[in-house]
PDB file of N, CA and C in Angstrom:
ATOM      1  N   UNK A   1       3.650 -15.874   0.062  1.00  0.00           N
ATOM      2  CA  UNK A   1       3.914 -14.486   0.371  1.00  0.00           C
ATOM      3  C   UNK A   1       5.264 -14.320   1.057  1.00  0.00           C
ATOM      4  N   UNK A   2       5.880 -15.353   1.482  1.00  0.00           N
ATOM      5  CA  UNK A   2       7.138 -15.230   2.212  1.00  0.00           C
ATOM      6  C   UNK A   2       8.328 -14.926   1.304  1.00  0.00           C
ATOM      7  N   UNK A   3       8.123 -14.906  -0.022  1.00  0.00           N
ATOM      8  CA  UNK A   3       9.214 -14.557  -0.922  1.00  0.00           C
ATOM      9  C   UNK A   3       9.299 -13.051  -1.161  1.00  0.00           C
ATOM     10  N   UNK A   4       8.506 -12.275  -0.434  1.00  0.00           N
ATOM     11  CA  UNK A   4       8.532 -10.830  -0.570  1.00  0.00           C
ATOM     12  C   UNK A   4       7.585 -10.292  -1.624  1.00  0.00           C
ATOM     13  N   UNK A   5       6.712 -11.151  -2.137  1.00  0.00           N
ATOM     14  CA  UNK A   5       5.767 -10.732  -3.172  1.00  0.00           C
ATOM     15  C   UNK A   5       4.359 -11.147  -2.790  1.00  0.00           C
ATOM     16  N   UNK A   6       3.402 -10.440  -3.349  1.00  0.00           N
ATOM     17  CA  UNK A   6       1.999 -10.806  -3.167  1.00  0.00           C
ATOM     18  C   UNK A   6       1.398 -11.083  -4.535  1.00  0.00           C
ATOM     19  N   UNK A   7       0.205 -11.635  -4.552  1.00  0.00           N
ATOM     20  CA  UNK A   7      -0.497 -11.847  -5.806  1.00  0.00           C
ATOM     21  C   UNK A   7      -0.842 -10.498  -6.426  1.00  0.00           C
ATOM     22  N   UNK A   8      -0.966 -10.489  -7.748  1.00  0.00           N
ATOM     23  CA  UNK A   8      -1.382  -9.293  -8.462  1.00  0.00           C
ATOM     24  C   UNK A   8      -2.879  -9.100  -8.270  1.00  0.00           C
ATOM     25  N   UNK A   9      -3.280  -7.908  -7.919  1.00  0.00           N
ATOM     26  CA  UNK A   9      -4.692  -7.566  -7.768  1.00  0.00           C
ATOM     27  C   UNK A   9      -4.999  -6.412  -8.704  1.00  0.00           C
ATOM     28  N   UNK A  10      -6.172  -6.442  -9.296  1.00  0.00           N
ATOM     29  CA  UNK A  10      -6.545  -5.367 -10.201  1.00  0.00           C
ATOM     30  C   UNK A  10      -7.978  -4.931  -9.942  1.00  0.00           C
ATOM     31  N   UNK A  11      -8.266  -3.698 -10.331  1.00  0.00           N
ATOM     32  CA  UNK A  11      -9.613  -3.151 -10.226  1.00  0.00           C
ATOM     33  C   UNK A  11     -10.265  -3.307 -11.592  1.00  0.00           C
ATOM     34  N   UNK A  12     -11.356  -4.048 -11.659  1.00  0.00           N
ATOM     35  CA  UNK A  12     -11.993  -4.273 -12.958  1.00  0.00           C
ATOM     36  C   UNK A  12     -12.980  -3.178 -13.342  1.00  0.00           C
ATOM     37  N   UNK A  13     -13.325  -2.299 -12.427  1.00  0.00           N
ATOM     38  CA  UNK A  13     -14.212  -1.179 -12.758  1.00  0.00           C
ATOM     39  C   UNK A  13     -13.734   0.081 -12.054  1.00  0.00           C
ATOM     40  N   UNK A  14     -13.974   1.201 -12.693  1.00  0.00           N
ATOM     41  CA  UNK A  14     -13.652   2.481 -12.074  1.00  0.00           C
ATOM     42  C   UNK A  14     -12.167   2.781 -12.060  1.00  0.00           C
ATOM     43  N   UNK A  15     -11.854   3.942 -11.548  1.00  0.00           N
ATOM     44  CA  UNK A  15     -10.455   4.348 -11.458  1.00  0.00           C
ATOM     45  C   UNK A  15      -9.973   4.211 -10.016  1.00  0.00           C
ATOM     46  N   UNK A  16      -8.679   4.259  -9.869  1.00  0.00           N
ATOM     47  CA  UNK A  16      -8.092   4.126  -8.540  1.00  0.00           C
ATOM     48  C   UNK A  16      -7.896   5.522  -7.957  1.00  0.00           C
ATOM     49  N   UNK A  17      -8.640   5.812  -6.932  1.00  0.00           N
ATOM     50  CA  UNK A  17      -8.480   7.065  -6.197  1.00  0.00           C
ATOM     51  C   UNK A  17      -7.640   6.778  -4.961  1.00  0.00           C
ATOM     52  N   UNK A  18      -7.195   7.809  -4.309  1.00  0.00           N
ATOM     53  CA  UNK A  18      -6.405   7.627  -3.088  1.00  0.00           C
ATOM     54  C   UNK A  18      -7.197   6.858  -2.035  1.00  0.00           C
ATOM     55  N   UNK A  19      -8.464   7.204  -1.868  1.00  0.00           N
ATOM     56  CA  UNK A  19      -9.283   6.520  -0.863  1.00  0.00           C
ATOM     57  C   UNK A  19      -9.490   5.050  -1.227  1.00  0.00           C
ATOM     58  N   UNK A  20      -9.741   4.778  -2.481  1.00  0.00           N
ATOM     59  CA  UNK A  20      -9.937   3.385  -2.914  1.00  0.00           C
ATOM     60  C   UNK A  20      -8.647   2.582  -2.741  1.00  0.00           C
ATOM     61  N   UNK A  21      -7.522   3.192  -3.079  1.00  0.00           N
ATOM     62  CA  UNK A  21      -6.227   2.533  -2.917  1.00  0.00           C
ATOM     63  C   UNK A  21      -5.967   2.205  -1.443  1.00  0.00           C
ATOM     64  N   UNK A  22      -6.247   3.168  -0.573  1.00  0.00           N
ATOM     65  CA  UNK A  22      -6.065   2.932   0.866  1.00  0.00           C
ATOM     66  C   UNK A  22      -6.968   1.805   1.355  1.00  0.00           C
ATOM     67  N   UNK A  23      -8.252   1.883   0.990  1.00  0.00           N
ATOM     68  CA  UNK A  23      -9.238   0.931   1.503  1.00  0.00           C
ATOM     69  C   UNK A  23      -9.120  -0.462   0.904  1.00  0.00           C
ATOM     70  N   UNK A  24      -8.728  -0.556  -0.366  1.00  0.00           N
ATOM     71  CA  UNK A  24      -8.732  -1.847  -1.064  1.00  0.00           C
ATOM     72  C   UNK A  24      -7.354  -2.486  -1.220  1.00  0.00           C
ATOM     73  N   UNK A  25      -6.293  -1.711  -0.998  1.00  0.00           N
ATOM     74  CA  UNK A  25      -4.939  -2.256  -1.162  1.00  0.00           C
ATOM     75  C   UNK A  25      -4.125  -2.120   0.121  1.00  0.00           C
ATOM     76  N   UNK A  26      -3.971  -0.892   0.599  1.00  0.00           N
ATOM     77  CA  UNK A  26      -3.093  -0.686   1.753  1.00  0.00           C
ATOM     78  C   UNK A  26      -3.599  -1.384   3.013  1.00  0.00           C
ATOM     79  N   UNK A  27      -4.846  -1.135   3.374  1.00  0.00           N
ATOM     80  CA  UNK A  27      -5.360  -1.728   4.620  1.00  0.00           C
ATOM     81  C   UNK A  27      -5.398  -3.256   4.565  1.00  0.00           C
ATOM     82  N   UNK A  28      -5.988  -3.868   3.535  1.00  0.00           N
ATOM     83  CA  UNK A  28      -6.097  -5.328   3.574  1.00  0.00           C
ATOM     84  C   UNK A  28      -4.826  -6.077   3.187  1.00  0.00           C
ATOM     85  N   UNK A  29      -3.959  -5.488   2.363  1.00  0.00           N
ATOM     86  CA  UNK A  29      -2.809  -6.243   1.877  1.00  0.00           C
ATOM     87  C   UNK A  29      -1.477  -5.775   2.441  1.00  0.00           C
ATOM     88  N   UNK A  30      -1.203  -4.487   2.359  1.00  0.00           N
ATOM     89  CA  UNK A  30       0.110  -3.995   2.783  1.00  0.00           C
ATOM     90  C   UNK A  30       0.301  -4.158   4.286  1.00  0.00           C
ATOM     91  N   UNK A  31      -0.718  -3.847   5.063  1.00  0.00           N
ATOM     92  CA  UNK A  31      -0.593  -4.007   6.518  1.00  0.00           C
ATOM     93  C   UNK A  31      -0.428  -5.478   6.894  1.00  0.00           C
ATOM     94  N   UNK A  32      -1.154  -6.352   6.235  1.00  0.00           N
ATOM     95  CA  UNK A  32      -1.030  -7.790   6.477  1.00  0.00           C
ATOM     96  C   UNK A  32       0.346  -8.297   6.042  1.00  0.00           C
ATOM     97  N   UNK A  33       0.798  -7.845   4.889  1.00  0.00           N
ATOM     98  CA  UNK A  33       2.096  -8.237   4.351  1.00  0.00           C
ATOM     99  C   UNK A  33       3.214  -7.842   5.311  1.00  0.00           C
ATOM    100  N   UNK A  34       3.117  -6.645   5.847  1.00  0.00           N
ATOM    101  CA  UNK A  34       4.135  -6.173   6.798  1.00  0.00           C
ATOM    102  C   UNK A  34       4.244  -7.122   7.982  1.00  0.00           C
ATOM    103  N   UNK A  35       3.109  -7.549   8.507  1.00  0.00           N
ATOM    104  CA  UNK A  35       3.118  -8.456   9.647  1.00  0.00           C
ATOM    105  C   UNK A  35       3.696  -9.817   9.320  1.00  0.00           C
ATOM    106  N   UNK A  36       3.521 -10.262   8.080  1.00  0.00           N
ATOM    107  CA  UNK A  36       4.012 -11.579   7.680  1.00  0.00           C
ATOM    108  C   UNK A  36       5.492 -11.567   7.331  1.00  0.00           C
ATOM    109  N   UNK A  37       5.994 -10.450   6.857  1.00  0.00           N
ATOM    110  CA  UNK A  37       7.373 -10.395   6.376  1.00  0.00           C
ATOM    111  C   UNK A  37       8.310  -9.828   7.434  1.00  0.00           C
ATOM    112  N   UNK A  38       8.149  -8.549   7.725  1.00  0.00           N
ATOM    113  CA  UNK A  38       9.030  -7.874   8.679  1.00  0.00           C
ATOM    114  C   UNK A  38       8.426  -6.509   8.986  1.00  0.00           C
ATOM    115  N   UNK A  39       8.214  -6.177  10.230  1.00  0.00           N
ATOM    116  CA  UNK A  39       7.617  -4.882  10.564  1.00  0.00           C
ATOM    117  C   UNK A  39       8.438  -3.692  10.064  1.00  0.00           C
ATOM    118  N   UNK A  40       9.712  -3.906   9.766  1.00  0.00           N
ATOM    119  CA  UNK A  40      10.581  -2.820   9.323  1.00  0.00           C
ATOM    120  C   UNK A  40      10.781  -2.789   7.811  1.00  0.00           C
ATOM    121  N   UNK A  41       9.903  -3.468   7.059  1.00  0.00           N
ATOM    122  CA  UNK A  41      10.072  -3.461   5.611  1.00  0.00           C
ATOM    123  C   UNK A  41       9.839  -2.057   5.052  1.00  0.00           C
ATOM    124  N   UNK A  42      10.329  -1.807   3.843  1.00  0.00           N
ATOM    125  CA  UNK A  42      10.142  -0.522   3.175  1.00  0.00           C
ATOM    126  C   UNK A  42       9.172  -0.735   2.024  1.00  0.00           C
ATOM    127  N   UNK A  43       8.094   0.034   2.020  1.00  0.00           N
ATOM    128  CA  UNK A  43       7.057  -0.083   1.005  1.00  0.00           C
ATOM    129  C   UNK A  43       7.420   0.747  -0.221  1.00  0.00           C
ATOM    130  N   UNK A  44       7.258   0.156  -1.414  1.00  0.00           N
ATOM    131  CA  UNK A  44       7.552   0.858  -2.659  1.00  0.00           C
ATOM    132  C   UNK A  44       6.353   0.725  -3.586  1.00  0.00           C
ATOM    133  N   UNK A  45       5.951   1.817  -4.205  1.00  0.00           N
ATOM    134  CA  UNK A  45       4.897   1.770  -5.206  1.00  0.00           C
ATOM    135  C   UNK A  45       5.412   2.446  -6.475  1.00  0.00           C
ATOM    136  N   UNK A  46       4.525   2.669  -7.432  1.00  0.00           N
ATOM    137  CA  UNK A  46       4.979   3.201  -8.723  1.00  0.00           C
ATOM    138  C   UNK A  46       4.842   4.715  -8.880  1.00  0.00           C
ATOM    139  N   UNK A  47       4.539   5.417  -7.799  1.00  0.00           N
ATOM    140  CA  UNK A  47       4.479   6.886  -7.811  1.00  0.00           C
ATOM    141  C   UNK A  47       3.356   7.467  -8.663  1.00  0.00           C
ATOM    142  N   UNK A  48       2.301   6.715  -8.910  1.00  0.00           N
ATOM    143  CA  UNK A  48       1.141   7.255  -9.623  1.00  0.00           C
ATOM    144  C   UNK A  48       0.544   8.393  -8.796  1.00  0.00           C
ATOM    145  N   UNK A  49      -0.081   9.374  -9.441  1.00  0.00           N
ATOM    146  CA  UNK A  49      -0.615  10.530  -8.697  1.00  0.00           C
ATOM    147  C   UNK A  49      -1.534  10.167  -7.531  1.00  0.00           C
ATOM    148  N   UNK A  50      -2.402   9.172  -7.702  1.00  0.00           N
ATOM    149  CA  UNK A  50      -3.309   8.825  -6.596  1.00  0.00           C
ATOM    150  C   UNK A  50      -2.554   8.226  -5.415  1.00  0.00           C
ATOM    151  N   UNK A  51      -1.359   7.707  -5.657  1.00  0.00           N
ATOM    152  CA  UNK A  51      -0.564   7.114  -4.584  1.00  0.00           C
ATOM    153  C   UNK A  51       0.267   8.162  -3.848  1.00  0.00           C
ATOM    154  N   UNK A  52       0.331   9.351  -4.380  1.00  0.00           N
ATOM    155  CA  UNK A  52       1.099  10.433  -3.771  1.00  0.00           C
ATOM    156  C   UNK A  52       0.214  11.389  -2.984  1.00  0.00           C
ATOM    157  N   UNK A  53      -1.038  11.077  -2.840  1.00  0.00           N
ATOM    158  CA  UNK A  53      -1.982  11.951  -2.140  1.00  0.00           C
ATOM    159  C   UNK A  53      -1.642  12.042  -0.654  1.00  0.00           C
ATOM    160  N   UNK A  54      -2.015  13.154  -0.058  1.00  0.00           N
ATOM    161  CA  UNK A  54      -1.804  13.369   1.375  1.00  0.00           C
ATOM    162  C   UNK A  54      -2.484  12.263   2.179  1.00  0.00           C
ATOM    163  N   UNK A  55      -3.651  11.824   1.743  1.00  0.00           N
ATOM    164  CA  UNK A  55      -4.375  10.744   2.416  1.00  0.00           C
ATOM    165  C   UNK A  55      -3.503   9.494   2.539  1.00  0.00           C
ATOM    166  N   UNK A  56      -2.779   9.161   1.482  1.00  0.00           N
ATOM    167  CA  UNK A  56      -1.917   7.974   1.489  1.00  0.00           C
ATOM    168  C   UNK A  56      -0.719   8.202   2.396  1.00  0.00           C
ATOM    169  N   UNK A  57      -0.081   9.344   2.280  1.00  0.00           N
ATOM    170  CA  UNK A  57       1.068   9.646   3.147  1.00  0.00           C
ATOM    171  C   UNK A  57       0.670   9.620   4.616  1.00  0.00           C
ATOM    172  N   UNK A  58      -0.486  10.188   4.930  1.00  0.00           N
ATOM    173  CA  UNK A  58      -0.968  10.186   6.316  1.00  0.00           C
ATOM    174  C   UNK A  58      -1.243   8.770   6.806  1.00  0.00           C
ATOM    175  N   UNK A  59      -1.845   7.947   5.960  1.00  0.00           N
ATOM    176  CA  UNK A  59      -2.135   6.565   6.341  1.00  0.00           C
ATOM    177  C   UNK A  59      -0.841   5.800   6.614  1.00  0.00           C
ATOM    178  N   UNK A  60       0.126   5.912   5.710  1.00  0.00           N
ATOM    179  CA  UNK A  60       1.394   5.201   5.892  1.00  0.00           C
ATOM    180  C   UNK A  60       2.100   5.666   7.163  1.00  0.00           C
ATOM    181  N   UNK A  61       2.046   6.948   7.436  1.00  0.00           N
ATOM    182  CA  UNK A  61       2.662   7.474   8.656  1.00  0.00           C
ATOM    183  C   UNK A  61       1.943   6.951   9.899  1.00  0.00           C
ATOM    184  N   UNK A  62       0.621   6.950   9.871  1.00  0.00           N
ATOM    185  CA  UNK A  62      -0.170   6.452  11.002  1.00  0.00           C
ATOM    186  C   UNK A  62       0.128   4.984  11.283  1.00  0.00           C
ATOM    187  N   UNK A  63       0.319   4.214  10.213  1.00  0.00           N
ATOM    188  CA  UNK A  63       0.596   2.783  10.353  1.00  0.00           C
ATOM    189  C   UNK A  63       2.083   2.490  10.561  1.00  0.00           C
ATOM    190  N   UNK A  64       2.906   3.538  10.619  1.00  0.00           N
ATOM    191  CA  UNK A  64       4.363   3.390  10.773  1.00  0.00           C
ATOM    192  C   UNK A  64       4.974   2.533   9.674  1.00  0.00           C
ATOM    193  N   UNK A  65       4.543   2.781   8.450  1.00  0.00           N
ATOM    194  CA  UNK A  65       5.078   2.067   7.293  1.00  0.00           C
ATOM    195  C   UNK A  65       6.059   2.994   6.593  1.00  0.00           C
ATOM    196  N   UNK A  66       7.310   2.569   6.548  1.00  0.00           N
ATOM    197  CA  UNK A  66       8.330   3.354   5.860  1.00  0.00           C
ATOM    198  C   UNK A  66       8.091   3.233   4.365  1.00  0.00           C
ATOM    199  N   UNK A  67       8.187   4.356   3.651  1.00  0.00           N
ATOM    200  CA  UNK A  67       7.797   4.421   2.249  1.00  0.00           C
ATOM    201  C   UNK A  67       8.920   5.007   1.416  1.00  0.00           C
ATOM    202  N   UNK A  68       9.237   4.365   0.301  1.00  0.00           N
ATOM    203  CA  UNK A  68      10.220   4.938  -0.623  1.00  0.00           C
ATOM    204  C   UNK A  68       9.566   6.084  -1.368  1.00  0.00           C
ATOM    205  N   UNK A  69      10.250   7.193  -1.480  1.00  0.00           N
ATOM    206  CA  UNK A  69       9.696   8.343  -2.206  1.00  0.00           C
ATOM    207  C   UNK A  69      10.260   8.399  -3.595  1.00  0.00           C
TER     208      UNK A  69
END
């Protein structure tokens, strides 16, 4: 993980909602990744609609994660 990348993770059932993305990706992986790499890293995603939800923006702000728009 120190090369700035994480393993690919996929959801084998259901669709990705904002809540599922927060609970299954952001909390367990992105927050951990930030601690391992650099607290000031900039998070980038692919701008899918579920990733642009207010829930996600609020979570990233609460966790002080800078996000590319």
